[in-house]
Amino acid sequence: MKHQLTVLVCALALTACADHAARDRLGVEDATLLKSGFGATQDEAAGAVNSQWISTYAPAVNSSTALVRLQTELDRSSGDKNGYFRAKAQCWINAAQQARQANDHWGFVEEAIGQAAMITMSLQNGASLSAVNPALRTVSTVRPDLWKIVNTIKSDPAVAQCPQAQAPLACAEVELMQAGHDAWRRSFSNAEKRLPDVQDNLRQSAETALQCKQAMQMPASAPVAASAPVFPSAANSPRRITLKADSLFRFDGGDDAAILPAGKRQLDDVANRLKTTPSMRELRITGYADRLGDKSYNLGLSMQRARTVERYLQTRGVRLPMTAHGKGSANPLVDCRQSRRDVLLRCLAPNRRVEIESVAAGL
């Protein structure tokens, strides 16, 4: 028995040391979290629930019903579905769902619902929103170095003009706050486990913002991006380019007004090359969507994008006969099965595309 107790004490000591090491790596500065042992309390100063907290979040007693209702309202709200605030509301909903499924009864579910509801109602009412992250009672600050990166990306002017860079940034902020909640309830190892996703989202946001910045600085005569290769020179064979819908259009948009500045530059380059390429007989323009959402809606969106590209090329002087088709989610280039919606959307990006196939004369 004495031997067993010795092993148990050693194991507990090692676990405590490991968790303290994780706490140190997180850069926790909250004095209440630096306490340990029997003297560590979770009083109101440390973020414990008080009457004000209860009155604020009492409507979210049935979190399951609240989340379903919120998701419905967010889906109905107008605006760019890939924009910062829309994405942030969705990530708060996702965070609340994750915490609820993990049986987290420490208040984060209610606070996440509150954040999602505030953003969603503001989007519906057209009210102004602040990008400043709130101070939540159940969240402590972790990894100040990553928060500095968040603020650096957010302050870059290119991000404001690049909706594709805003969504991963918004989700990185929510994930970092969720890690802060893990730390607040002294689950430092769980907080660390969230950091790779935070870093991946920040990396994607920074890289996408850089691509947008380069596209905005690109002269009109510059070659089209790698995602839209020029037509090959092989004679008497169909020739095709693939344009990423996310670089052509605002998310979930397909009309002329939804074409992004970088998309216009790509299409201008395609038009210039088509007008100087001999022996072209016709163009076949086909739009594709990913598998998410209603099939009939996706079919209509893919068709709308193909027709928009057709009209744009015509306005740029392309006189070749053109046919436009929409195939919805048919012929996917990638198959993605991620459970997290934001990660799944990124994975499915190659399926959201417009293909322009040129057929040489004589075929």
Protein backbone atom coordinates (compact mmCIF):
# COMPACT_ATOMS: atom_id res chain seq x y z
CA MET A 1 0.00 0.00 0.00
CA LYS A 2 2.83 2.37 0.85
CA HIS A 3 4.40 1.70 -2.53
CA GLN A 4 1.13 2.40 -4.33
CA LEU A 5 0.71 5.71 -2.52
CA THR A 6 4.26 6.69 -3.43
CA VAL A 7 3.58 6.00 -7.10
CA LEU A 8 0.32 7.97 -6.91
CA VAL A 9 1.99 10.96 -5.27
CA CYS A 10 4.76 10.94 -7.88
CA ALA A 11 2.25 10.70 -10.71
CA LEU A 12 0.21 13.60 -9.33
CA ALA A 13 3.35 15.67 -8.87
CA LEU A 14 4.42 15.05 -12.46
CA THR A 15 0.95 15.96 -13.74
CA ALA A 16 0.97 19.19 -11.76
CA CYS A 17 4.43 20.08 -13.02
CA ALA A 18 3.42 19.35 -16.60
CA ASP A 19 0.31 21.55 -16.31
CA HIS A 20 2.33 24.35 -14.73
CA ALA A 21 4.78 24.09 -17.62
CA ALA A 22 1.87 24.42 -20.04
CA ARG A 23 0.66 27.44 -18.09
CA ASP A 24 4.07 29.05 -18.40
CA ARG A 25 4.20 28.39 -22.14
CA LEU A 26 0.80 30.06 -22.51
CA GLY A 27 2.23 33.27 -21.06
CA VAL A 28 -0.54 33.55 -18.46
CA GLU A 29 -0.30 36.76 -16.46
CA ASP A 30 -3.61 36.57 -14.56
CA ALA A 31 -2.64 36.52 -10.89
CA THR A 32 -5.57 34.26 -9.98
CA LEU A 33 -4.31 31.60 -12.38
CA LEU A 34 -0.79 31.73 -11.01
CA LYS A 35 -2.09 30.47 -7.67
CA SER A 36 -2.31 26.74 -7.11
CA GLY A 37 -3.14 24.29 -4.35
CA PHE A 38 -5.80 24.56 -1.66
CA GLY A 39 -5.48 28.33 -1.40
CA ALA A 40 -6.55 28.92 -4.99
CA THR A 41 -10.14 30.20 -5.08
CA GLN A 42 -12.43 31.10 -7.94
CA ASP A 43 -14.12 34.11 -6.36
CA GLU A 44 -15.78 37.01 -8.15
CA ALA A 45 -12.45 38.72 -8.72
CA ALA A 46 -11.34 35.58 -10.54
CA GLY A 47 -14.44 35.66 -12.72
CA ALA A 48 -17.01 33.72 -10.74
CA VAL A 49 -20.66 34.27 -11.65
CA ASN A 50 -22.35 37.26 -10.04
CA SER A 51 -25.87 38.71 -10.25
CA GLN A 52 -25.01 40.90 -13.24
CA TRP A 53 -23.69 37.90 -15.15
CA ILE A 54 -26.86 35.92 -14.38
CA SER A 55 -29.19 38.71 -15.52
CA THR A 56 -27.25 39.16 -18.75
CA TYR A 57 -27.16 35.51 -19.79
CA ALA A 58 -30.36 34.18 -18.18
CA PRO A 59 -32.19 34.10 -21.57
CA ALA A 60 -29.68 31.48 -22.76
CA VAL A 61 -30.77 28.86 -20.21
CA ASN A 62 -31.71 26.42 -22.97
CA SER A 63 -28.47 26.72 -24.91
CA SER A 64 -29.48 24.10 -27.46
CA THR A 65 -32.58 26.02 -28.52
CA ALA A 66 -30.70 29.31 -28.46
CA LEU A 67 -27.98 27.95 -30.75
CA VAL A 68 -30.47 26.60 -33.29
CA ARG A 69 -32.31 29.91 -33.34
CA LEU A 70 -29.09 31.87 -33.64
CA GLN A 71 -27.84 29.78 -36.55
CA THR A 72 -31.14 30.34 -38.36
CA GLU A 73 -30.98 34.09 -37.81
CA LEU A 74 -27.35 34.30 -38.90
CA ASP A 75 -28.09 32.35 -42.08
CA ARG A 76 -30.86 34.84 -42.86
CA SER A 77 -28.75 37.94 -42.25
CA SER A 78 -27.53 39.91 -45.23
CA GLY A 79 -24.01 40.90 -46.09
CA ASP A 80 -20.83 39.17 -47.17
CA LYS A 81 -20.90 35.66 -45.76
CA ASN A 82 -17.12 35.57 -45.82
CA GLY A 83 -16.70 38.93 -44.10
CA TYR A 84 -15.19 39.51 -40.67
CA PHE A 85 -18.31 39.93 -38.52
CA ARG A 86 -20.38 37.25 -40.22
CA ALA A 87 -17.51 34.79 -39.81
CA LYS A 88 -16.97 35.84 -36.21
CA ALA A 89 -20.61 35.23 -35.32
CA GLN A 90 -20.40 31.78 -36.91
CA CYS A 91 -17.21 30.96 -35.01
CA TRP A 92 -18.80 32.04 -31.73
CA ILE A 93 -21.72 29.71 -32.46
CA ASN A 94 -19.29 26.90 -33.24
CA ALA A 95 -17.37 27.58 -30.01
CA ALA A 96 -20.58 27.50 -27.98
CA GLN A 97 -21.59 24.20 -29.57
CA GLN A 98 -18.18 22.68 -28.83
CA ALA A 99 -18.27 23.81 -25.20
CA ARG A 100 -21.82 22.55 -24.75
CA GLN A 101 -20.95 19.15 -26.24
CA ALA A 102 -18.00 18.97 -23.85
CA ASN A 103 -20.40 19.57 -20.93
CA ASP A 104 -18.66 22.80 -20.04
CA HIS A 105 -20.80 24.37 -17.30
CA TRP A 106 -18.39 27.19 -16.48
CA GLY A 107 -20.32 29.91 -18.30
CA PHE A 108 -18.48 30.02 -21.61
CA VAL A 109 -21.43 28.57 -23.53
CA GLU A 110 -23.63 31.46 -22.43
CA GLU A 111 -20.96 34.07 -23.12
CA ALA A 112 -20.28 32.67 -26.59
CA ILE A 113 -24.02 32.69 -27.34
CA GLY A 114 -24.15 36.28 -26.13
CA GLN A 115 -21.35 37.34 -28.48
CA ALA A 116 -22.91 35.54 -31.46
CA ALA A 117 -26.33 37.06 -30.71
CA MET A 118 -24.95 40.59 -30.40
CA ILE A 119 -23.16 40.37 -33.76
CA THR A 120 -26.10 38.68 -35.51
CA MET A 121 -28.64 41.27 -34.33
CA SER A 122 -26.33 44.11 -35.37
CA LEU A 123 -25.93 42.58 -38.84
CA GLN A 124 -29.69 42.29 -39.18
CA ASN A 125 -30.33 45.85 -37.98
CA GLY A 126 -27.47 47.42 -39.89
CA ALA A 127 -25.95 48.66 -36.64
CA SER A 128 -22.27 49.51 -36.37
CA LEU A 129 -19.96 46.89 -34.86
CA SER A 130 -16.60 47.10 -33.16
CA ALA A 131 -13.80 44.68 -34.01
CA VAL A 132 -12.39 45.04 -30.50
CA ASN A 133 -12.60 41.76 -28.62
CA PRO A 134 -14.63 41.97 -25.39
CA ALA A 135 -13.35 41.18 -21.91
CA LEU A 136 -15.32 38.11 -20.85
CA ARG A 137 -15.61 36.93 -17.27
CA THR A 138 -14.72 33.34 -18.12
CA VAL A 139 -11.72 34.12 -20.36
CA SER A 140 -8.15 34.93 -19.40
CA THR A 141 -5.50 36.18 -21.79
CA VAL A 142 -3.13 33.54 -23.15
CA ARG A 143 -0.28 33.80 -25.63
CA PRO A 144 0.10 37.59 -25.75
CA ASP A 145 2.49 37.09 -28.67
CA LEU A 146 -0.32 35.63 -30.79
CA TRP A 147 -2.60 38.52 -29.84
CA LYS A 148 0.07 40.90 -31.14
CA ILE A 149 0.02 39.01 -34.45
CA VAL A 150 -3.79 39.26 -34.50
CA ASN A 151 -3.62 43.03 -34.07
CA THR A 152 -0.87 43.40 -36.66
CA ILE A 153 -2.92 41.54 -39.28
CA LYS A 154 -6.09 43.39 -38.34
CA SER A 155 -4.41 46.78 -38.72
CA ASP A 156 -3.10 46.05 -42.22
CA PRO A 157 -5.16 48.08 -44.76
CA ALA A 158 -5.09 45.15 -47.21
CA VAL A 159 -7.23 43.06 -44.85
CA ALA A 160 -10.09 45.56 -45.00
CA GLN A 161 -10.21 45.10 -48.79
CA CYS A 162 -9.76 41.33 -48.69
CA PRO A 163 -12.81 39.48 -47.28
CA GLN A 164 -11.08 36.13 -47.82
CA ALA A 165 -8.48 37.11 -45.22
CA GLN A 166 -11.05 38.31 -42.69
CA ALA A 167 -12.82 35.02 -41.93
CA PRO A 168 -9.76 33.05 -40.71
CA LEU A 169 -8.65 36.09 -38.70
CA ALA A 170 -12.05 36.31 -36.95
CA CYS A 171 -12.01 32.59 -36.16
CA ALA A 172 -8.45 32.78 -34.83
CA GLU A 173 -9.59 35.43 -32.36
CA VAL A 174 -12.50 33.32 -31.14
CA GLU A 175 -10.29 30.21 -30.86
CA LEU A 176 -7.71 32.19 -28.90
CA MET A 177 -10.42 33.36 -26.51
CA GLN A 178 -11.65 29.78 -26.18
CA ALA A 179 -8.11 28.79 -25.24
CA GLY A 180 -8.25 31.61 -22.71
CA HIS A 181 -11.37 30.04 -21.23
CA ASP A 182 -9.57 26.69 -20.91
CA ALA A 183 -6.81 28.49 -19.06
CA TRP A 184 -9.33 30.35 -16.88
CA ARG A 185 -10.67 27.03 -15.62
CA ARG A 186 -7.06 25.87 -15.21
CA SER A 187 -7.10 23.37 -18.07
CA PHE A 188 -3.81 24.62 -19.46
CA SER A 189 -3.05 21.54 -21.54
CA ASN A 190 -6.41 21.85 -23.33
CA ALA A 191 -5.67 25.50 -24.00
CA GLU A 192 -2.40 24.51 -25.66
CA LYS A 193 -4.17 22.00 -27.88
CA ARG A 194 -6.15 24.81 -29.49
CA LEU A 195 -3.10 26.80 -30.52
CA PRO A 196 -2.21 24.94 -33.76
CA ASP A 197 -5.63 25.84 -35.21
CA VAL A 198 -5.15 29.45 -34.09
CA GLN A 199 -1.76 29.61 -35.78
CA ASP A 200 -3.06 27.97 -38.97
CA ASN A 201 -5.87 30.51 -39.24
CA LEU A 202 -3.51 33.43 -38.62
CA ARG A 203 -1.11 32.08 -41.22
CA GLN A 204 -3.90 31.71 -43.76
CA SER A 205 -5.19 35.21 -43.05
CA ALA A 206 -1.74 36.78 -43.43
CA GLU A 207 -0.94 34.86 -46.61
CA THR A 208 -4.32 35.68 -48.18
CA ALA A 209 -3.99 39.36 -47.28
CA LEU A 210 -0.55 39.40 -48.89
CA GLN A 211 -1.95 37.83 -52.05
CA CYS A 212 -4.71 40.45 -52.15
CA LYS A 213 -2.17 43.22 -51.66
CA GLN A 214 -0.03 41.90 -54.50
CA ALA A 215 -3.09 41.57 -56.74
CA MET A 216 -4.11 45.17 -56.01
CA GLN A 217 -0.61 46.36 -56.92
CA MET A 218 -0.45 44.20 -60.05
CA PRO A 219 -0.42 46.23 -63.30
CA ALA A 220 -3.14 45.46 -65.81
CA SER A 221 -0.65 43.86 -68.20
CA ALA A 222 0.77 41.48 -65.58
CA PRO A 223 0.32 37.75 -66.23
CA VAL A 224 -2.66 36.04 -64.70
CA ALA A 225 -2.16 34.24 -61.36
CA ALA A 226 -1.06 30.64 -61.11
CA SER A 227 -4.61 29.60 -60.28
CA ALA A 228 -5.59 30.80 -63.76
CA PRO A 229 -2.87 29.53 -66.12
CA VAL A 230 -2.65 30.85 -69.67
CA PHE A 231 -3.91 28.72 -72.50
CA PRO A 232 -1.29 26.19 -73.63
CA SER A 233 -0.08 26.40 -77.22
CA ALA A 234 -0.77 22.82 -78.28
CA ALA A 235 -2.70 22.92 -81.56
CA ASN A 236 -6.02 21.21 -82.31
CA SER A 237 -6.84 20.34 -78.68
CA PRO A 238 -9.29 21.71 -76.12
CA ARG A 239 -7.60 24.22 -73.83
CA ARG A 240 -8.85 25.14 -70.37
CA ILE A 241 -8.14 27.50 -67.55
CA THR A 242 -9.57 27.24 -64.05
CA LEU A 243 -10.37 30.37 -62.07
CA LYS A 244 -10.99 30.07 -58.34
CA ALA A 245 -14.43 31.46 -57.56
CA ASP A 246 -13.13 32.79 -54.23
CA SER A 247 -10.65 35.00 -56.09
CA LEU A 248 -13.22 36.08 -58.69
CA PHE A 249 -16.31 36.79 -56.56
CA ARG A 250 -17.29 37.78 -53.09
CA PHE A 251 -18.34 34.72 -51.11
CA ASP A 252 -21.83 33.58 -52.14
CA GLY A 253 -21.96 36.28 -54.84
CA GLY A 254 -22.18 35.74 -58.57
CA ASP A 255 -23.39 38.88 -60.34
CA ASP A 256 -21.40 41.73 -61.89
CA ALA A 257 -21.35 43.67 -58.62
CA ALA A 258 -19.81 40.70 -56.80
CA ILE A 259 -16.68 40.54 -58.96
CA LEU A 260 -13.61 41.34 -56.86
CA PRO A 261 -10.91 43.76 -58.11
CA ALA A 262 -8.44 40.87 -58.33
CA GLY A 263 -11.04 38.90 -60.29
CA LYS A 264 -11.42 41.71 -62.80
CA ARG A 265 -7.68 41.78 -63.35
CA GLN A 266 -7.62 38.03 -63.97
CA LEU A 267 -10.50 38.25 -66.43
CA ASP A 268 -8.91 41.25 -68.19
CA ASP A 269 -5.77 39.22 -68.72
CA VAL A 270 -7.76 36.24 -70.01
CA ALA A 271 -9.64 38.54 -72.43
CA ASN A 272 -6.42 40.08 -73.75
CA ARG A 273 -4.92 36.67 -74.41
CA LEU A 274 -8.06 35.36 -76.08
CA LYS A 275 -8.10 38.31 -78.47
CA THR A 276 -4.50 37.62 -79.51
CA THR A 277 -4.75 33.84 -79.71
CA PRO A 278 -5.52 32.63 -83.27
CA SER A 279 -7.58 29.65 -84.38
CA MET A 280 -10.18 29.79 -81.61
CA ARG A 281 -13.62 28.54 -82.55
CA GLU A 282 -15.65 28.89 -79.35
CA LEU A 283 -15.55 29.15 -75.58
CA ARG A 284 -17.37 26.95 -73.08
CA ILE A 285 -17.71 28.57 -69.66
CA THR A 286 -18.76 26.33 -66.78
CA GLY A 287 -19.42 27.35 -63.19
CA TYR A 288 -19.13 25.01 -60.20
CA ALA A 289 -20.06 25.28 -56.51
CA ASP A 290 -19.13 23.22 -53.46
CA ARG A 291 -21.50 20.62 -51.97
CA LEU A 292 -22.64 22.71 -48.99
CA GLY A 293 -26.13 24.14 -48.91
CA ASP A 294 -29.17 23.62 -51.11
CA LYS A 295 -28.44 21.85 -54.42
CA SER A 296 -30.80 23.98 -56.49
CA TYR A 297 -29.30 27.16 -55.02
CA ASN A 298 -25.77 25.99 -55.79
CA LEU A 299 -26.81 25.12 -59.33
CA GLY A 300 -28.23 28.60 -59.82
CA LEU A 301 -25.17 30.27 -58.30
CA SER A 302 -22.79 28.31 -60.54
CA MET A 303 -24.85 29.27 -63.59
CA GLN A 304 -24.96 32.92 -62.56
CA ARG A 305 -21.17 33.02 -62.19
CA ALA A 306 -20.63 31.43 -65.60
CA ARG A 307 -22.94 33.95 -67.28
CA THR A 308 -21.27 36.83 -65.43
CA VAL A 309 -17.86 35.72 -66.72
CA GLU A 310 -19.35 35.40 -70.23
CA ARG A 311 -20.71 38.95 -70.13
CA TYR A 312 -17.48 40.33 -68.71
CA LEU A 313 -15.38 38.81 -71.48
CA GLN A 314 -17.80 40.18 -74.08
CA THR A 315 -17.52 43.69 -72.64
CA ARG A 316 -13.72 43.36 -72.95
CA GLY A 317 -13.94 42.73 -76.68
CA VAL A 318 -13.95 38.94 -76.90
CA ARG A 319 -16.08 38.17 -79.96
CA LEU A 320 -15.89 34.38 -79.91
CA PRO A 321 -19.16 32.43 -79.61
CA MET A 322 -19.63 31.48 -75.95
CA THR A 323 -21.89 29.08 -74.07
CA ALA A 324 -22.36 29.27 -70.31
CA HIS A 325 -23.25 26.32 -68.09
CA GLY A 326 -23.77 25.78 -64.38
CA LYS A 327 -23.11 22.37 -62.89
CA GLY A 328 -23.49 23.06 -59.18
CA SER A 329 -21.44 20.67 -57.08
CA ALA A 330 -20.78 18.20 -59.92
CA ASN A 331 -17.24 17.10 -60.82
CA PRO A 332 -15.57 18.04 -57.49
CA LEU A 333 -11.80 18.41 -57.53
CA VAL A 334 -11.41 17.60 -53.82
CA ASP A 335 -13.34 15.53 -51.28
CA CYS A 336 -13.39 17.05 -47.80
CA ARG A 337 -14.87 15.59 -44.60
CA GLN A 338 -13.78 18.02 -41.86
CA SER A 339 -16.26 18.55 -39.04
CA ARG A 340 -15.46 22.21 -38.38
CA ARG A 341 -17.31 24.41 -40.85
CA ASP A 342 -14.56 27.01 -41.32
CA VAL A 343 -11.93 24.33 -42.00
CA LEU A 344 -14.35 22.51 -44.32
CA LEU A 345 -15.04 25.70 -46.30
CA ARG A 346 -11.33 26.24 -46.85
CA CYS A 347 -10.80 22.64 -47.92
CA LEU A 348 -13.66 22.83 -50.44
CA ALA A 349 -12.37 26.03 -52.06
CA PRO A 350 -10.99 24.30 -55.21
CA ASN A 351 -14.50 23.01 -55.99
CA ARG A 352 -15.80 26.58 -56.15
CA ARG A 353 -14.52 27.54 -59.58
CA VAL A 354 -15.22 28.74 -63.11
CA GLU A 355 -13.64 26.83 -66.00
CA ILE A 356 -13.12 28.44 -69.39
CA GLU A 357 -12.50 25.89 -72.13
CA SER A 358 -11.44 27.06 -75.57
CA VAL A 359 -11.88 24.81 -78.60
CA ALA A 360 -9.57 25.40 -81.52
CA ALA A 361 -10.91 25.83 -85.04
CA GLY A 362 -11.09 22.69 -87.12
CA LEU A 363 -12.20 20.37 -84.27
